[in-house]
Amino acid sequence: MSLKIDEDLIQPKILALGASPRKDGNSDILLRHFCAGANQAGVETEKIQLRDLEFTPCVGCELCRKTGACTRFDDDLTAIYPKIIESRGLFLISPVHNYNVTAWMKGFIDRLYCFYNFAEPRPGHWDSELDNQGRKAIVAAVCEQETKRDMGFTLEAMQMPLEALGYEVREALPVLGVFEKGKVTEYADVLQAAENAGTALARTIRP
């Protein structure tokens, strides 16, 4: 599958990806509330839990530079590429693992490397197949600790790669002081913030 973008394929819908290994935990709950907010604004969302996929992380083989696609692997993530291309909106959420995103989220982000184009000789100019298409994103992270400093690089580890790929990251949402499974349901303001984020992102990608 070529990753060259036909802009006629891009739709006003949102791909929402969760990266928690814990089913029905706080990240999952917030993911559902985000999607509910987007749906209420009239935008279709598709939820994907990375823990449910079998995929291999990027190994830096550079084969995509020759083929124009990630052809080293044929796994569950291969089927996600068309969904990324077709969705103008993207939502990523990860719990904090050791000051950073989970291994599932890192593996997903690294496999987006195939969307880059690099001029020779390297290092030199580079660009992204996803750039200049009005793509918008929101990232969120859930942290046991109570200060944003204790989230470490989690939000930045999602925001910076998306911006490099051509997304406008509209919001980086920290959720602090939440650990026990399902605890976030006790915080109506946090749930509402997730719904509001979904609504806001939906409104930016609608025609």
Protein backbone atom coordinates (compact mmCIF):
# COMPACT_ATOMS: atom_id res chain seq x y z
CA MET A 1 0.00 0.00 0.00
CA SER A 2 1.38 3.39 -1.01
CA LEU A 3 1.28 6.17 1.56
CA LYS A 4 1.03 8.90 -1.06
CA ILE A 5 -2.01 10.91 -0.02
CA ASP A 6 -5.04 11.43 -2.21
CA GLU A 7 -6.63 14.40 -0.44
CA ASP A 8 -10.06 13.36 -1.72
CA LEU A 9 -9.82 10.43 0.72
CA ILE A 10 -9.49 12.63 3.80
CA GLN A 11 -12.75 12.70 5.76
CA PRO A 12 -14.03 14.85 8.65
CA LYS A 13 -13.73 12.01 11.14
CA ILE A 14 -11.52 11.24 14.12
CA LEU A 15 -9.30 8.26 14.83
CA ALA A 16 -8.95 7.86 18.62
CA LEU A 17 -6.19 5.63 19.96
CA GLY A 18 -5.65 4.44 23.51
CA ALA A 19 -2.34 3.07 24.74
CA SER A 20 -3.12 1.68 28.17
CA PRO A 21 -2.43 -1.99 28.90
CA ARG A 22 -5.22 -1.91 31.50
CA LYS A 23 -8.67 -2.64 30.08
CA ASP A 24 -11.46 -0.35 31.33
CA GLY A 25 -9.00 1.80 33.25
CA ASN A 26 -8.93 5.57 33.48
CA SER A 27 -7.48 6.11 30.00
CA ASP A 28 -10.20 3.92 28.47
CA ILE A 29 -12.91 5.85 30.30
CA LEU A 30 -11.55 9.19 29.12
CA LEU A 31 -11.24 7.85 25.59
CA ARG A 32 -14.94 6.96 25.61
CA HIS A 33 -15.90 10.40 26.93
CA PHE A 34 -13.76 12.09 24.30
CA CYS A 35 -15.48 10.11 21.54
CA ALA A 36 -18.89 10.88 23.01
CA GLY A 37 -18.13 14.58 22.82
CA ALA A 38 -17.02 14.30 19.20
CA ASN A 39 -20.07 12.25 18.28
CA GLN A 40 -22.37 14.80 19.90
CA ALA A 41 -20.80 17.39 17.60
CA GLY A 42 -21.76 15.27 14.62
CA VAL A 43 -18.37 13.78 13.80
CA GLU A 44 -17.72 10.06 13.37
CA THR A 45 -15.03 8.56 15.60
CA GLU A 46 -13.29 5.21 15.57
CA LYS A 47 -11.71 3.89 18.78
CA ILE A 48 -8.67 1.65 18.65
CA GLN A 49 -6.92 0.12 21.64
CA LEU A 50 -3.29 -0.51 20.79
CA ARG A 51 -3.11 -3.28 23.39
CA ASP A 52 -5.49 -5.30 21.22
CA LEU A 53 -3.16 -5.19 18.22
CA GLU A 54 -0.26 -7.44 17.40
CA PHE A 55 2.48 -5.28 15.87
CA THR A 56 6.23 -4.93 15.79
CA PRO A 57 7.97 -1.64 16.60
CA CYS A 58 10.00 0.15 13.95
CA VAL A 59 13.47 -1.37 13.51
CA GLY A 60 14.95 1.51 11.51
CA CYS A 61 15.44 -0.59 8.37
CA GLU A 62 14.71 2.42 6.09
CA LEU A 63 12.93 0.13 3.62
CA CYS A 64 10.03 2.61 3.55
CA ARG A 65 12.38 5.13 1.94
CA LYS A 66 12.57 2.85 -1.10
CA THR A 67 9.02 1.49 -1.22
CA GLY A 68 7.00 4.51 -0.07
CA ALA A 69 5.30 2.41 2.63
CA CYS A 70 6.12 0.28 5.66
CA THR A 71 6.61 -3.03 3.84
CA ARG A 72 8.94 -4.66 6.38
CA PHE A 73 5.94 -5.80 8.42
CA ASP A 74 2.49 -7.15 7.64
CA ASP A 75 0.78 -6.91 11.01
CA ASP A 76 -2.22 -5.34 12.71
CA LEU A 77 -0.74 -1.86 12.47
CA THR A 78 -0.54 -2.13 8.69
CA ALA A 79 -4.33 -1.89 8.59
CA ILE A 80 -4.25 1.34 10.61
CA TYR A 81 -2.38 3.36 8.00
CA PRO A 82 -5.44 3.87 5.74
CA LYS A 83 -7.45 4.96 8.78
CA ILE A 84 -4.81 7.59 9.62
CA ILE A 85 -4.83 8.85 6.05
CA GLU A 86 -8.63 9.08 5.91
CA SER A 87 -9.14 10.77 9.30
CA ARG A 88 -8.55 14.51 9.49
CA GLY A 89 -8.67 14.33 13.31
CA LEU A 90 -6.53 12.26 15.66
CA PHE A 91 -6.75 11.71 19.43
CA LEU A 92 -4.01 9.96 21.41
CA ILE A 93 -4.19 9.10 25.09
CA SER A 94 -1.62 7.29 27.23
CA PRO A 95 -1.07 6.67 30.91
CA VAL A 96 2.31 7.77 32.23
CA HIS A 97 4.87 4.97 32.41
CA ASN A 98 8.19 6.02 33.93
CA TYR A 99 7.85 9.70 32.88
CA ASN A 100 6.82 8.84 29.34
CA VAL A 101 4.21 7.19 27.12
CA THR A 102 3.59 3.45 27.29
CA ALA A 103 5.51 1.06 25.07
CA TRP A 104 2.36 0.60 22.96
CA MET A 105 2.14 4.32 22.20
CA LYS A 106 5.86 4.62 21.50
CA GLY A 107 5.70 1.65 19.15
CA PHE A 108 2.76 3.21 17.29
CA ILE A 109 4.40 6.62 16.94
CA ASP A 110 7.66 5.13 15.69
CA ARG A 111 5.80 3.22 13.00
CA LEU A 112 4.58 6.59 11.62
CA TYR A 113 8.12 7.16 10.37
CA CYS A 114 7.07 5.81 6.98
CA PHE A 115 5.08 9.00 6.33
CA TYR A 116 8.28 11.07 6.15
CA ASN A 117 10.20 11.94 3.00
CA PHE A 118 13.94 12.65 3.21
CA ALA A 119 16.12 14.39 0.63
CA GLU A 120 19.55 12.99 -0.10
CA PRO A 121 22.23 13.41 1.07
CA ARG A 122 21.18 13.20 4.71
CA PRO A 123 20.83 15.02 6.97
CA GLY A 124 18.96 17.49 4.82
CA HIS A 125 15.45 18.62 3.94
CA TRP A 126 12.55 16.45 5.01
CA ASP A 127 8.76 16.69 4.92
CA SER A 128 5.68 14.62 5.68
CA GLU A 129 3.00 13.09 3.48
CA LEU A 130 0.44 14.22 6.11
CA ASP A 131 1.39 17.91 6.08
CA ASN A 132 -0.68 20.83 4.74
CA GLN A 133 -3.98 18.93 4.83
CA GLY A 134 -5.72 20.63 7.76
CA ARG A 135 -5.10 17.74 10.13
CA LYS A 136 -5.85 18.42 13.81
CA ALA A 137 -5.07 16.44 16.96
CA ILE A 138 -5.46 16.39 20.72
CA VAL A 139 -3.23 14.42 23.08
CA ALA A 140 -3.93 13.44 26.68
CA ALA A 141 -2.09 11.67 29.47
CA VAL A 142 -3.16 10.19 32.80
CA CYS A 143 -0.75 10.42 35.74
CA GLU A 144 -0.80 9.01 39.27
CA GLN A 145 1.18 11.96 40.62
CA GLU A 146 -0.26 15.40 41.24
CA THR A 147 2.07 17.73 39.36
CA LYS A 148 2.63 18.10 35.63
CA ARG A 149 6.36 17.85 36.21
CA ASP A 150 5.86 14.25 37.31
CA MET A 151 4.35 13.43 33.92
CA GLY A 152 7.84 13.87 32.53
CA PHE A 153 7.83 13.84 28.72
CA THR A 154 4.51 12.06 28.20
CA LEU A 155 2.52 14.81 26.52
CA GLU A 156 5.53 16.07 24.55
CA ALA A 157 6.30 12.53 23.36
CA MET A 158 2.96 12.54 21.56
CA GLN A 159 2.65 16.21 20.63
CA MET A 160 6.06 16.78 19.06
CA PRO A 161 5.95 13.82 16.61
CA LEU A 162 2.42 14.74 15.54
CA GLU A 163 3.43 18.33 14.88
CA ALA A 164 6.42 17.14 12.86
CA LEU A 165 4.07 14.97 10.80
CA GLY A 166 1.87 17.98 10.00
CA TYR A 167 -0.85 17.92 12.65
CA GLU A 168 -1.95 21.02 14.49
CA VAL A 169 -2.15 19.85 18.10
CA ARG A 170 -5.06 21.84 19.49
CA GLU A 171 -4.69 20.75 23.12
CA ALA A 172 -2.38 18.72 25.35
CA LEU A 173 -4.55 17.56 28.23
CA PRO A 174 -2.92 16.45 31.51
CA VAL A 175 -5.01 14.38 33.93
CA LEU A 176 -3.26 14.35 37.31
CA GLY A 177 -3.63 12.52 40.62
CA VAL A 178 -5.56 9.52 39.27
CA PHE A 179 -4.39 5.91 39.68
CA GLU A 180 -6.94 3.38 40.95
CA LYS A 181 -8.84 1.67 38.15
CA GLY A 182 -11.94 3.67 37.31
CA LYS A 183 -11.11 6.44 39.79
CA VAL A 184 -11.54 9.08 37.12
CA THR A 185 -15.31 8.50 37.14
CA GLU A 186 -15.35 10.36 40.47
CA TYR A 187 -14.12 13.54 38.79
CA ALA A 188 -16.98 14.99 36.80
CA ASP A 189 -14.89 17.97 35.73
CA VAL A 190 -12.25 15.72 34.17
CA LEU A 191 -14.85 13.67 32.31
CA GLN A 192 -16.43 16.87 31.06
CA ALA A 193 -13.04 18.17 29.95
CA ALA A 194 -12.56 15.02 27.87
CA GLU A 195 -15.98 15.43 26.27
CA ASN A 196 -15.30 19.10 25.62
CA ALA A 197 -12.02 18.19 23.96
CA GLY A 198 -13.83 15.77 21.67
CA THR A 199 -16.41 18.40 20.78
CA ALA A 200 -13.74 21.03 20.16
CA LEU A 201 -11.69 18.81 17.88
CA ALA A 202 -14.79 17.75 15.97
CA ARG A 203 -15.74 21.35 15.32
CA THR A 204 -12.30 22.15 13.88
CA ILE A 205 -12.44 19.39 11.27
CA ARG A 206 -16.05 19.68 10.13
CA PRO A 207 -16.66 21.27 6.72
